[in-house]
């Protein structure tokens, strides 16, 4: 009597493993119940093994599947341990025994993703989705890769496919919300668990239906329209709300400004320009109204109209930086002659912003005396402008003029009338002038009181750098455009061996990891930590990130001396390192790639 039987089941696992819906199943095992998510893989393997053993001449994928299954557990463990090269070898063995399965393609895609080869990962995820279109998590992984690489429309379709398979797929639903292809709404504003996700078109209909309901409260109607424009999901509904508001209260500057922006967003440039022109008729001395006309003309390709609007803008206010930058074409031309033009314009109009722009241009080409002179002249015209003080301070730092820095900038910092940006800028300039102790003291004082938390954190980190308690690698990390690590960061051991992974590939940045290190150098008073990005045997060769040296360690009285180290990766690719022992930070330095 056979110890297995043939059954039919639509379980998604069969698609995933490249098996037909008719499978051998142990006679003594409970049969799968896909509706309840019940499917026992060990029973499947046992049934297939029994089939292969009792029917040596059987045709189909069964024998290859049994052979491939011998590697499943080890391959999973390799992925969990971030041993991607080993996982790749095992996947090759699996594919050789049981070729073309969505299981193999899916995990190969994951390995390529972790090694930084997005193009191949996307191809393999897409092929896996074709092989097993009924498996939602394949579509989710494909969608995530497409979204990370700027393929929004394709990503939306992939996540939509996942939702069509499972209406409650939270990964796909949240991803569609992030891509602004769906909207999350709260049934109860005080209960985050009451959230529901609706398609954009349904949300558009719901929002459009509110316009008439709130029209009796004009301010609410205007706020609703502005909110729809800010959200950017259904700006057309925002425009409709604002059009109704405009009909109820014609020539209102707030409504006209919002309408002009909404029309421009929709590509209706004639309507946008008309709305802003009405705005300038109501407020003829508002320079920003004319600058908005210039932006609309630029979007419409109307260069003469843009130039005329810019000229009007700077005639009303010669200190609007954005307008000056466009009018004087500073993006494409920022040489010494342009400085002269800016200074002449500034003198003619008694303006200060053109002088700051001239100062920046001079500073970029290394003419520190001119950069300082322009900033000083701007300061004479408006000594109460923080923007001028920031530029003046920075240029004095570049010039190494500590005396003028302390005479002109320090009183403004001490007066406390300006934001913490000035304290920060002043400290940086003091550091440039060779006064690190004073710079550190400025940042320490600035941290006191009601300073913003992000400023306090940035100041504390900078003090650690300047005090030698934090070091930065001279090599930049490979970072994905989506803001994650492209390849893993790991320890390089002596003899070329690789240690454990500290920061995982695709980990969102910023990210940090702590690791214990044993002090072995100079009688246990120093330690060396060598880092690399990427693993050997997988894609591109590992990138050395250099050696960090920890000093000032107190050797343990008995046994080995261990310290705590911390590695941090920033979104811009900077890698920093710090270390501590018994609650105190230790001096560290980057020793290069040697």
Protein backbone atom coordinates (compact mmCIF):
# COMPACT_ATOMS: atom_id res chain seq x y z
CA UNK A 1 0.00 0.00 0.00
CA UNK A 2 1.37 3.40 -0.97
CA UNK A 3 2.24 5.76 1.88
CA UNK A 4 1.33 8.82 -0.19
CA UNK A 5 -1.55 10.02 -2.30
CA UNK A 6 -1.97 12.53 -5.12
CA UNK A 7 -3.89 15.68 -4.18
CA UNK A 8 -4.88 18.93 -5.90
CA UNK A 9 -4.25 22.25 -4.12
CA UNK A 10 -3.91 25.87 -5.28
CA UNK A 11 -1.41 26.71 -2.49
CA UNK A 12 0.93 29.55 -3.49
CA UNK A 13 3.94 27.58 -2.23
CA UNK A 14 3.68 25.32 -5.28
CA UNK A 15 4.00 28.24 -7.68
CA UNK A 16 6.92 29.52 -5.65
CA UNK A 17 8.80 26.22 -5.74
CA UNK A 18 8.02 25.52 -9.38
CA UNK A 19 5.67 22.59 -8.80
CA UNK A 20 2.27 21.75 -10.33
CA UNK A 21 -0.94 21.93 -8.32
CA UNK A 22 -1.22 18.13 -8.33
CA UNK A 23 1.33 16.84 -5.83
CA UNK A 24 2.17 13.68 -3.87
CA UNK A 25 1.16 14.08 -0.22
CA UNK A 26 1.76 11.78 2.77
CA UNK A 27 -1.28 9.67 3.49
CA UNK A 28 -0.92 10.28 7.21
CA UNK A 29 -0.57 14.09 6.96
CA UNK A 30 -3.28 16.71 7.16
CA UNK A 31 -3.97 18.09 3.71
CA UNK A 32 -3.27 21.77 2.95
CA UNK A 33 -5.94 24.40 3.51
CA UNK A 34 -4.87 27.44 1.47
CA UNK A 35 -7.84 29.52 2.64
CA UNK A 36 -6.52 29.29 6.19
CA UNK A 37 -2.89 29.59 5.13
CA UNK A 38 -2.18 26.00 6.14
CA UNK A 39 0.59 24.31 4.17
CA UNK A 40 3.24 22.11 5.74
CA UNK A 41 6.53 22.10 3.79
CA UNK A 42 8.02 19.09 5.61
CA UNK A 43 4.94 17.09 4.59
CA UNK A 44 5.39 18.15 0.97
CA UNK A 45 9.01 17.03 1.03
CA UNK A 46 8.09 13.75 2.66
CA UNK A 47 5.41 13.10 0.06
CA UNK A 48 7.71 13.90 -2.86
CA UNK A 49 10.48 11.73 -1.41
CA UNK A 50 8.05 8.81 -1.02
CA UNK A 51 6.89 9.28 -4.59
CA UNK A 52 10.43 9.33 -5.99
CA UNK A 53 11.41 6.26 -3.94
CA UNK A 54 8.40 4.19 -4.96
CA UNK A 55 8.27 5.28 -8.60
CA UNK A 56 11.87 5.36 -9.97
CA UNK A 57 10.70 6.11 -13.53
CA UNK A 58 8.37 8.97 -12.64
CA UNK A 59 8.53 11.96 -14.97
CA UNK A 60 8.34 15.56 -13.72
CA UNK A 61 10.11 17.99 -11.39
CA UNK A 62 10.01 15.71 -8.35
CA UNK A 63 13.48 14.18 -8.36
CA UNK A 64 15.15 17.52 -8.98
CA UNK A 65 13.06 19.16 -6.27
CA UNK A 66 14.16 16.55 -3.73
CA UNK A 67 17.80 17.07 -4.66
CA UNK A 68 17.44 20.85 -4.47
CA UNK A 69 15.67 20.66 -1.09
CA UNK A 70 18.86 19.34 0.49
CA UNK A 71 20.29 22.88 0.19
CA UNK A 72 17.24 24.88 1.37
CA UNK A 73 18.10 25.08 5.06
CA UNK A 74 21.78 25.85 4.55
CA UNK A 75 20.95 28.52 1.99
CA UNK A 76 18.50 30.17 4.38
CA UNK A 77 21.11 30.15 7.15
CA UNK A 78 23.70 31.69 4.81
CA UNK A 79 21.33 34.58 4.05
CA UNK A 80 20.54 35.07 7.73
CA UNK A 81 24.28 35.19 8.51
CA UNK A 82 24.88 37.66 5.62
CA UNK A 83 27.14 35.11 3.91
CA UNK A 84 25.97 36.14 0.48
CA UNK A 85 28.78 34.52 -1.50
CA UNK A 86 27.99 31.17 0.13
CA UNK A 87 24.27 31.70 -0.46
CA UNK A 88 25.00 32.36 -4.13
CA UNK A 89 26.89 29.06 -4.42
CA UNK A 90 24.03 27.16 -2.83
CA UNK A 91 21.48 28.83 -5.09
CA UNK A 92 23.52 27.72 -8.11
CA UNK A 93 23.36 24.15 -6.82
CA UNK A 94 19.60 24.47 -6.24
CA UNK A 95 19.03 25.82 -9.74
CA UNK A 96 21.15 23.06 -11.27
CA UNK A 97 18.98 20.41 -9.61
CA UNK A 98 15.64 22.20 -10.03
CA UNK A 99 16.10 24.92 -12.67
CA UNK A 100 14.00 28.02 -13.20
CA UNK A 101 11.92 28.03 -10.02
CA UNK A 102 10.56 31.28 -8.64
CA UNK A 103 12.18 30.26 -5.33
CA UNK A 104 15.64 30.27 -6.91
CA UNK A 105 15.05 33.43 -8.93
CA UNK A 106 13.65 35.30 -5.92
CA UNK A 107 16.61 34.50 -3.68
CA UNK A 108 19.15 35.13 -6.45
CA UNK A 109 17.54 38.55 -6.88
CA UNK A 110 17.94 39.18 -3.15
CA UNK A 111 21.64 38.29 -3.28
CA UNK A 112 22.21 40.62 -6.24
CA UNK A 113 20.31 43.33 -4.41
CA UNK A 114 22.53 42.93 -1.36
CA UNK A 115 25.64 43.11 -3.54
CA UNK A 116 24.52 46.37 -5.15
CA UNK A 117 23.56 45.04 -8.60
CA UNK A 118 20.10 46.57 -8.89
CA UNK A 119 19.68 45.95 -12.60
CA UNK A 120 20.12 42.20 -12.28
CA UNK A 121 18.02 42.10 -9.10
CA UNK A 122 15.10 43.80 -10.85
CA UNK A 123 15.38 41.41 -13.80
CA UNK A 124 15.33 38.36 -11.55
CA UNK A 125 12.47 39.63 -9.37
CA UNK A 126 10.44 40.31 -12.52
CA UNK A 127 11.16 36.82 -13.86
CA UNK A 128 10.19 35.31 -10.49
CA UNK A 129 6.92 37.26 -10.59
CA UNK A 130 6.17 35.86 -14.05
CA UNK A 131 6.84 32.33 -12.83
CA UNK A 132 4.72 32.77 -9.69
CA UNK A 133 2.28 35.64 -10.28
CA UNK A 134 0.15 34.56 -7.32
CA UNK A 135 2.80 35.25 -4.67
CA UNK A 136 2.37 38.76 -3.21
CA UNK A 137 5.79 39.14 -1.57
CA UNK A 138 7.54 38.71 -4.92
CA UNK A 139 5.57 41.67 -6.29
CA UNK A 140 6.39 43.65 -3.14
CA UNK A 141 10.11 43.08 -3.51
CA UNK A 142 9.98 43.92 -7.20
CA UNK A 143 8.01 47.08 -6.38
CA UNK A 144 10.52 48.13 -3.72
CA UNK A 145 13.42 47.76 -6.15
CA UNK A 146 11.62 49.65 -8.90
CA UNK A 147 10.69 52.46 -6.50
CA UNK A 148 14.26 52.76 -5.23
CA UNK A 149 15.46 53.15 -8.80
CA UNK A 150 12.95 55.81 -9.84
CA UNK A 151 10.57 53.56 -11.80
CA UNK A 152 7.46 54.87 -10.06
CA UNK A 153 4.80 53.75 -12.55
CA UNK A 154 6.16 50.20 -12.69
CA UNK A 155 6.52 50.12 -8.91
CA UNK A 156 2.89 51.19 -8.47
CA UNK A 157 1.79 48.39 -10.80
CA UNK A 158 3.83 45.82 -8.87
CA UNK A 159 2.38 46.86 -5.52
CA UNK A 160 -1.10 46.97 -7.05
CA UNK A 161 -0.64 43.37 -8.20
CA UNK A 162 0.21 42.42 -4.61
CA UNK A 163 -2.92 44.17 -3.29
CA UNK A 164 -5.07 42.45 -5.91
CA UNK A 165 -3.86 39.14 -4.47
CA UNK A 166 -4.34 40.23 -0.86
CA UNK A 167 -6.44 43.28 -0.05
CA UNK A 168 -4.88 43.43 3.42
CA UNK A 169 -1.24 43.34 2.30
CA UNK A 170 0.09 46.11 4.57
CA UNK A 171 3.50 46.25 2.85
CA UNK A 172 1.94 46.90 -0.54
CA UNK A 173 -0.66 49.32 0.83
CA UNK A 174 1.89 51.39 2.75
CA UNK A 175 4.15 51.45 -0.30
CA UNK A 176 1.33 52.73 -2.49
CA UNK A 177 0.70 55.48 0.06
CA UNK A 178 4.38 56.45 0.00
CA UNK A 179 4.28 56.58 -3.79
CA UNK A 180 1.13 58.76 -3.60
CA UNK A 181 -0.82 56.14 -5.52
CA UNK A 182 -3.14 55.66 -2.54
CA UNK A 183 -4.18 57.65 0.51
CA UNK A 184 -4.31 56.63 4.17
CA UNK A 185 -7.32 57.96 6.05
CA UNK A 186 -8.24 57.68 9.72
CA UNK A 187 -11.80 56.80 10.68
CA UNK A 188 -10.95 58.16 14.13
CA UNK A 189 -8.35 60.95 14.20
CA UNK A 190 -7.27 59.90 17.68
CA UNK A 191 -6.82 56.23 16.82
CA UNK A 192 -3.96 55.33 14.44
CA UNK A 193 -5.32 51.78 14.26
CA UNK A 194 -8.45 53.08 12.54
CA UNK A 195 -6.50 53.79 9.33
CA UNK A 196 -7.81 52.66 5.96
CA UNK A 197 -6.08 52.96 2.61
CA UNK A 198 -8.12 54.05 -0.40
CA UNK A 199 -7.15 54.45 -4.08
CA UNK A 200 -6.39 57.96 -5.29
CA UNK A 201 -9.43 58.07 -7.56
CA UNK A 202 -11.74 57.16 -4.67
CA UNK A 203 -10.06 59.79 -2.51
CA UNK A 204 -10.49 62.34 -5.31
CA UNK A 205 -14.22 61.69 -5.42
CA UNK A 206 -14.47 61.90 -1.63
CA UNK A 207 -12.52 65.17 -1.51
CA UNK A 208 -14.41 66.75 -4.40
CA UNK A 209 -17.63 65.98 -2.60
CA UNK A 210 -16.49 68.07 0.37
CA UNK A 211 -16.18 71.31 -1.60
CA UNK A 212 -19.87 72.17 -1.56
CA UNK A 213 -20.20 70.95 2.04
CA UNK A 214 -17.61 73.42 3.36
CA UNK A 215 -18.32 76.30 0.96
CA UNK A 216 -20.31 78.15 3.63
CA UNK A 217 -17.06 78.66 5.55
CA UNK A 218 -14.86 80.51 3.07
CA UNK A 219 -11.70 80.37 5.16
CA UNK A 220 -12.10 76.63 5.55
CA UNK A 221 -12.64 76.29 1.81
CA UNK A 222 -9.46 78.24 1.07
CA UNK A 223 -7.48 76.19 3.59
CA UNK A 224 -8.83 72.99 2.05
CA UNK A 225 -7.70 74.06 -1.43
CA UNK A 226 -4.25 75.06 -0.20
CA UNK A 227 -3.88 71.75 1.65
CA UNK A 228 -4.73 69.78 -1.50
CA UNK A 229 -2.02 71.69 -3.37
CA UNK A 230 0.56 71.10 -0.64
CA UNK A 231 -0.19 67.37 -0.48
CA UNK A 232 0.26 67.12 -4.24
CA UNK A 233 -1.88 63.98 -4.54
CA UNK A 234 -5.03 65.51 -6.04
CA UNK A 235 -4.09 69.15 -6.76
CA UNK A 236 -6.92 69.37 -9.31
CA UNK A 237 -9.44 69.18 -6.46
CA UNK A 238 -7.53 71.92 -4.67
CA UNK A 239 -7.80 74.11 -7.77
CA UNK A 240 -11.57 73.49 -7.95
CA UNK A 241 -11.96 74.53 -4.32
CA UNK A 242 -9.94 77.68 -4.89
CA UNK A 243 -11.90 78.53 -8.05
CA UNK A 244 -15.10 78.37 -6.02
CA UNK A 245 -13.50 80.54 -3.33
CA UNK A 246 -12.41 83.04 -5.99
CA UNK A 247 -15.96 83.28 -7.28
CA UNK A 248 -17.20 83.95 -3.76
CA UNK A 249 -14.49 86.51 -2.91
CA UNK A 250 -12.94 87.96 -6.10
CA UNK A 251 -9.48 89.55 -6.07
CA UNK A 252 -8.50 88.14 -2.68
CA UNK A 253 -4.64 88.05 -2.68
CA UNK A 254 -4.42 84.77 -0.77
CA UNK A 255 -6.81 83.02 -3.14
CA UNK A 256 -5.13 84.45 -6.25
CA UNK A 257 -1.66 83.39 -5.09
CA UNK A 258 -2.83 79.85 -4.38
CA UNK A 259 -4.76 79.66 -7.66
CA UNK A 260 -1.72 80.83 -9.63
CA UNK A 261 0.41 78.13 -8.02
CA UNK A 262 -2.26 75.49 -8.63
CA UNK A 263 -2.68 76.36 -12.28
CA UNK A 264 1.09 76.30 -12.77
CA UNK A 265 1.26 72.87 -11.13
CA UNK A 266 -1.41 71.67 -13.56
CA UNK A 267 0.43 73.11 -16.56
CA UNK A 268 -2.27 75.71 -17.22
CA UNK A 269 0.20 78.55 -17.61
CA UNK A 270 -2.13 81.15 -19.14
CA UNK A 271 -4.51 80.80 -16.19
CA UNK A 272 -1.59 80.84 -13.77
CA UNK A 273 -0.19 84.03 -15.24
CA UNK A 274 -3.62 85.67 -15.24
CA UNK A 275 -4.12 84.83 -11.56
CA UNK A 276 -0.75 86.26 -10.58
CA UNK A 277 -1.34 89.36 -12.70
CA UNK A 278 -4.58 89.95 -10.78
CA UNK A 279 -2.57 89.50 -7.60
CA UNK A 280 -0.11 92.22 -8.68
CA UNK A 281 -2.97 94.55 -9.56
CA UNK A 282 -4.26 94.19 -6.02
CA UNK A 283 -0.72 94.37 -4.55
CA UNK A 284 1.35 96.36 -7.07
CA UNK A 285 4.30 96.73 -4.69
CA UNK A 286 4.62 93.04 -3.80
CA UNK A 287 7.78 91.86 -5.55
CA UNK A 288 7.00 88.20 -4.94
CA UNK A 289 3.86 88.49 -7.06
CA UNK A 290 5.97 89.46 -10.07
CA UNK A 291 8.50 86.75 -9.26
CA UNK A 292 5.67 84.22 -9.41
CA UNK A 293 4.79 85.56 -12.87
CA UNK A 294 8.43 85.03 -13.85
CA UNK A 295 8.32 81.42 -12.65
CA UNK A 296 5.15 80.75 -14.59
CA UNK A 297 6.63 82.29 -17.75
CA UNK A 298 9.74 80.14 -17.28
CA UNK A 299 7.60 76.99 -17.01
CA UNK A 300 5.73 78.04 -20.16
CA UNK A 301 8.95 78.76 -22.08
CA UNK A 302 8.14 82.47 -22.33
CA UNK A 303 11.61 84.00 -21.98
CA UNK A 304 10.65 87.64 -22.78
CA UNK A 305 7.80 87.44 -20.28
CA UNK A 306 10.10 85.92 -17.66
CA UNK A 307 12.73 88.65 -18.15
CA UNK A 308 10.15 91.44 -17.89
CA UNK A 309 8.72 89.96 -14.69
CA UNK A 310 12.20 89.53 -13.18
CA UNK A 311 13.09 93.13 -13.97
CA UNK A 312 9.94 94.27 -12.21
CA UNK A 313 10.71 91.98 -9.26
CA UNK A 314 14.18 93.34 -8.59
CA UNK A 315 13.04 96.89 -9.24
CA UNK A 316 10.67 96.51 -6.29
CA UNK A 317 13.06 94.49 -4.11
CA UNK A 318 16.70 94.18 -5.17
CA UNK A 319 17.45 91.72 -2.35
CA UNK A 320 15.47 88.67 -3.51
CA UNK A 321 18.23 86.11 -4.02
CA UNK A 322 16.28 83.73 -6.27
CA UNK A 323 15.29 86.51 -8.65
CA UNK A 324 18.84 87.91 -8.78
CA UNK A 325 20.31 84.48 -9.46
CA UNK A 326 18.03 83.92 -12.43
CA UNK A 327 18.18 87.48 -13.78
CA UNK A 328 21.98 87.59 -13.75
CA UNK A 329 22.29 83.94 -14.90
CA UNK A 330 24.56 83.04 -12.00
CA UNK A 331 24.13 79.32 -12.51
CA UNK A 332 25.89 79.40 -15.87
CA UNK A 333 28.16 82.42 -15.48
CA UNK A 334 29.90 83.24 -12.20
CA UNK A 335 33.23 84.72 -13.12
CA UNK A 336 34.97 87.97 -12.08
CA UNK A 337 33.00 89.99 -14.63
CA UNK A 338 29.77 88.85 -13.07
CA UNK A 339 31.02 90.04 -9.68
CA UNK A 340 31.54 93.48 -11.17
CA UNK A 341 28.02 93.55 -12.62
CA UNK A 342 26.54 92.52 -9.26
CA UNK A 343 28.50 95.12 -7.34
CA UNK A 344 27.53 97.88 -9.78
CA UNK A 345 23.87 96.87 -9.46
CA UNK A 346 24.14 96.78 -5.66
CA UNK A 347 25.69 100.25 -5.56
CA UNK A 348 23.11 101.65 -7.94
CA UNK A 349 20.22 100.29 -5.86
CA UNK A 350 21.78 100.49 -2.41
CA UNK A 351 21.21 96.73 -2.12
CA UNK A 352 23.06 94.16 -0.02
CA UNK A 353 22.07 90.77 -1.48
CA UNK A 354 23.96 91.33 -4.77
CA UNK A 355 27.06 91.96 -2.64
CA UNK A 356 26.60 88.63 -0.87
CA UNK A 357 26.30 86.90 -4.23
CA UNK A 358 29.47 88.64 -5.41
CA UNK A 359 31.16 87.58 -2.17
CA UNK A 360 30.21 83.94 -2.79
CA UNK A 361 31.55 84.05 -6.33
CA UNK A 362 34.84 85.56 -5.16
CA UNK A 363 35.12 82.98 -2.40
CA UNK A 364 34.54 80.10 -4.83
CA UNK A 365 37.44 81.21 -6.99
CA UNK A 366 39.71 81.68 -3.97
CA UNK A 367 39.81 85.48 -3.90
CA UNK A 368 39.40 85.78 -0.13
CA UNK A 369 40.16 89.54 0.12
CA UNK A 370 37.43 90.37 -2.39
CA UNK A 371 34.99 87.94 -0.76
CA UNK A 372 35.56 89.59 2.64
CA UNK A 373 35.33 93.11 1.21
CA UNK A 374 31.96 92.45 -0.47
CA UNK A 375 30.54 90.86 2.68
CA UNK A 376 31.83 93.78 4.80
CA UNK A 377 30.16 96.24 2.46
CA UNK A 378 26.89 94.35 2.72
CA UNK A 379 27.23 94.43 6.53
CA UNK A 380 27.62 98.20 6.44
CA UNK A 381 24.32 98.47 4.59
CA UNK A 382 22.40 96.10 6.83
CA UNK A 383 24.19 95.13 10.07
CA UNK A 384 21.08 93.46 11.47
CA UNK A 385 20.75 90.80 8.78
CA UNK A 386 21.63 87.28 9.93
CA UNK A 387 22.14 86.24 6.33
CA UNK A 388 24.87 88.87 5.96
CA UNK A 389 26.49 87.91 9.25
CA UNK A 390 26.61 84.26 8.15
CA UNK A 391 28.35 85.12 4.89
CA UNK A 392 30.70 87.63 6.54
CA UNK A 393 31.67 85.09 9.19
CA UNK A 394 32.29 82.34 6.65
CA UNK A 395 34.47 84.55 4.45
CA UNK A 396 36.50 85.77 7.43
CA UNK A 397 37.08 82.12 8.36
CA UNK A 398 38.25 81.31 4.83
CA UNK A 399 40.60 84.29 5.00
CA UNK A 400 41.91 83.28 8.42
CA UNK A 401 41.09 86.71 9.82
CA UNK A 402 40.48 85.83 13.47
CA UNK A 403 40.83 89.42 14.69
CA UNK A 404 38.03 90.82 12.51
CA UNK A 405 35.97 87.72 13.18
CA UNK A 406 36.07 88.33 16.92
CA UNK A 407 35.53 92.07 16.53
CA UNK A 408 32.60 91.99 14.09
CA UNK A 409 30.87 88.63 14.56
CA UNK A 410 31.42 87.71 18.20
CA UNK A 411 29.27 90.58 19.57
CA UNK A 412 26.36 89.50 17.39
CA UNK A 413 26.71 85.92 18.67
CA UNK A 414 26.90 87.03 22.30
CA UNK A 415 23.91 89.34 21.89
CA UNK A 416 21.62 86.33 21.40
CA UNK A 417 19.39 88.07 18.84
CA UNK A 418 20.06 85.61 16.07
CA UNK A 419 19.45 81.90 15.54
CA UNK A 420 21.90 79.14 16.43
CA UNK A 421 23.00 79.10 12.81
CA UNK A 422 25.21 82.08 13.57
CA UNK A 423 26.79 80.36 16.60
CA UNK A 424 27.48 77.33 14.42
CA UNK A 425 28.94 79.41 11.59
CA UNK A 426 31.08 81.46 13.97
CA UNK A 427 32.47 78.31 15.60
CA UNK A 428 33.35 76.81 12.22
CA UNK A 429 35.15 79.98 11.23
CA UNK A 430 37.12 80.09 14.51
CA UNK A 431 38.20 76.49 13.84
CA UNK A 432 39.39 77.54 10.37
CA UNK A 433 41.40 80.34 11.98
CA UNK A 434 43.27 77.86 14.16
CA UNK A 435 41.29 78.47 17.36
CA UNK A 436 39.70 75.08 18.07
CA UNK A 437 39.44 75.61 21.84
CA UNK A 438 37.44 78.83 21.34
CA UNK A 439 35.34 77.17 18.67
CA UNK A 440 34.48 74.29 21.00
CA UNK A 441 33.55 76.71 23.76
CA UNK A 442 31.22 78.60 21.41
CA UNK A 443 29.39 75.38 20.55
CA UNK A 444 29.19 74.33 24.20
CA UNK A 445 27.61 77.63 25.19
CA UNK A 446 25.25 77.45 22.22
CA UNK A 447 23.97 74.06 23.41
CA UNK A 448 22.63 75.58 26.61
CA UNK A 449 19.09 76.81 27.15
CA UNK A 450 16.35 76.23 24.61
CA UNK A 451 18.57 75.30 21.64
CA UNK A 452 16.82 72.94 19.17
CA UNK A 453 17.54 69.27 19.81
CA UNK A 454 18.95 68.69 16.32
CA UNK A 455 21.37 71.58 16.88
CA UNK A 456 22.45 70.15 20.24
CA UNK A 457 23.13 66.77 18.60
CA UNK A 458 25.08 68.29 15.72
CA UNK A 459 27.10 70.48 18.10
CA UNK A 460 27.94 67.55 20.38
CA UNK A 461 29.10 65.47 17.41
CA UNK A 462 31.24 68.31 16.07
CA UNK A 463 32.85 68.85 19.48
CA UNK A 464 33.76 65.16 19.52
CA UNK A 465 35.41 65.48 16.11
CA UNK A 466 37.36 68.58 17.09
CA UNK A 467 38.39 66.96 20.38
CA UNK A 468 39.74 63.84 18.66
CA UNK A 469 37.02 61.61 20.09
CA UNK A 470 35.43 60.85 16.72
CA UNK A 471 37.08 60.18 13.35
CA UNK A 472 35.89 60.02 9.77
CA UNK A 473 37.10 57.65 7.09
CA UNK A 474 38.86 59.25 4.17
CA UNK A 475 36.95 56.87 1.91
CA UNK A 476 33.29 57.49 1.12
CA UNK A 477 30.71 54.74 1.36
CA UNK A 478 28.86 53.49 -1.68
CA UNK A 479 25.33 54.78 -1.11
CA UNK A 480 22.19 54.10 -3.14
CA UNK A 481 20.26 57.05 -4.55
CA UNK A 482 17.32 55.99 -2.37
CA UNK A 483 19.37 56.72 0.78
CA UNK A 484 20.56 53.27 1.81
CA UNK A 485 23.84 51.37 1.85
CA UNK A 486 24.64 49.77 -1.47
CA UNK A 487 26.83 47.02 0.01
CA UNK A 488 27.46 45.82 3.58
CA UNK A 489 30.08 47.32 5.90
CA UNK A 490 32.11 44.72 7.75
CA UNK A 491 35.29 44.17 9.70
CA UNK A 492 38.45 43.09 7.84
CA UNK A 493 40.42 40.60 9.90
CA UNK A 494 44.14 39.87 9.77
CA UNK A 495 45.19 37.64 6.89
CA UNK A 496 42.50 39.00 4.57
CA UNK A 497 39.64 37.17 6.25
CA UNK A 498 36.29 38.86 6.72
CA UNK A 499 34.57 39.41 10.05
CA UNK A 500 30.94 39.98 10.80
CA UNK A 501 28.68 42.42 8.99
CA UNK A 502 28.22 45.66 10.94
CA UNK A 503 25.85 47.54 8.66
CA UNK A 504 23.59 45.59 6.32
CA UNK A 505 23.14 46.42 2.65
CA UNK A 506 19.95 48.34 1.88
CA UNK A 507 19.90 49.58 5.46
CA UNK A 508 18.32 53.04 5.52
CA UNK A 509 20.71 55.82 6.48
CA UNK A 510 21.71 57.18 8.90
CA UNK A 511 22.60 53.90 10.59
CA UNK A 512 24.92 52.85 13.41
CA UNK A 513 26.32 49.67 14.95
CA UNK A 514 28.22 48.95 18.14
CA UNK A 515 30.90 46.27 18.30
CA UNK A 516 33.23 45.00 21.03
CA UNK A 517 36.94 45.15 20.20
CA UNK A 518 39.88 43.61 22.02
CA UNK A 519 42.87 45.90 22.60
CA UNK A 520 46.07 44.20 21.43
CA UNK A 521 48.42 47.03 20.44
CA UNK A 522 51.08 48.64 22.63
CA UNK A 523 50.51 46.49 25.65
CA UNK A 524 46.75 46.73 25.41
CA UNK A 525 46.62 50.53 25.36
CA UNK A 526 45.62 50.72 21.67
CA UNK A 527 43.37 48.90 19.23
CA UNK A 528 43.09 48.87 15.44
CA UNK A 529 39.85 48.28 13.55
CA UNK A 530 39.97 47.74 9.79
CA UNK A 531 36.74 48.13 7.83
CA UNK A 532 35.60 47.39 4.29
CA UNK A 533 32.46 47.65 2.20
CA UNK A 534 31.35 44.61 0.24
CA UNK A 535 32.18 40.94 0.49
CA UNK A 536 34.74 38.93 -1.45
CA UNK A 537 33.47 36.58 -4.11
CA UNK A 538 30.29 38.54 -4.74
CA UNK A 539 30.16 41.15 -7.48
CA UNK A 540 32.72 43.95 -7.26
CA UNK A 541 35.79 43.52 -5.06
CA UNK A 542 35.43 44.82 -1.49
CA UNK A 543 36.24 48.50 -1.03
CA UNK A 544 38.76 49.22 1.77
CA UNK A 545 37.51 51.89 4.19
CA UNK A 546 40.76 52.13 6.12
CA UNK A 547 41.98 51.55 9.64
CA UNK A 548 40.74 53.32 12.74
CA UNK A 549 43.13 53.48 15.69
CA UNK A 550 41.87 53.75 19.26
CA UNK A 551 44.27 55.14 21.87
CA UNK A 552 44.32 55.86 25.59
CA UNK A 553 42.93 52.46 26.57
CA UNK A 554 43.37 51.39 30.20
CA UNK A 555 44.60 47.77 30.21
CA UNK A 556 42.56 45.35 32.29
CA UNK A 557 44.15 44.13 35.51
CA UNK A 558 43.42 40.53 34.56
CA UNK A 559 42.52 38.97 31.24
CA UNK A 560 41.89 40.66 27.90
CA UNK A 561 41.00 44.34 27.57
CA UNK A 562 37.77 44.99 25.70
CA UNK A 563 36.40 48.32 24.53
CA UNK A 564 33.17 49.40 22.85
CA UNK A 565 33.36 50.85 19.35
CA UNK A 566 30.68 52.50 17.27
CA UNK A 567 30.43 52.80 13.48
CA UNK A 568 28.02 55.31 11.92
CA UNK A 569 27.06 55.78 8.28
CA UNK A 570 25.51 59.03 7.03
CA UNK A 571 23.21 59.48 3.99
CA UNK A 572 25.94 61.42 2.16
CA UNK A 573 28.36 58.47 2.42
CA UNK A 574 30.44 59.60 5.39
CA UNK A 575 31.62 56.84 7.72
CA UNK A 576 32.53 57.86 11.27
CA UNK A 577 34.03 55.92 14.16
CA UNK A 578 34.16 56.38 17.91
CA UNK A 579 35.12 54.25 20.91
CA UNK A 580 34.65 54.17 24.66
CA UNK A 581 35.72 52.35 27.79
CA UNK A 582 33.94 52.34 31.14
CA UNK A 583 31.72 55.25 30.19
CA UNK A 584 34.42 57.56 28.80
CA UNK A 585 35.14 58.28 25.16
CA UNK A 586 38.60 57.37 23.87
CA UNK A 587 40.81 59.24 21.38
CA UNK A 588 40.47 57.85 17.86
CA UNK A 589 41.97 58.59 14.47
CA UNK A 590 41.73 57.36 10.92
CA UNK A 591 45.09 55.91 9.90
CA UNK A 592 44.44 55.62 6.17
CA UNK A 593 44.20 52.45 4.11
CA UNK A 594 47.47 50.91 5.35
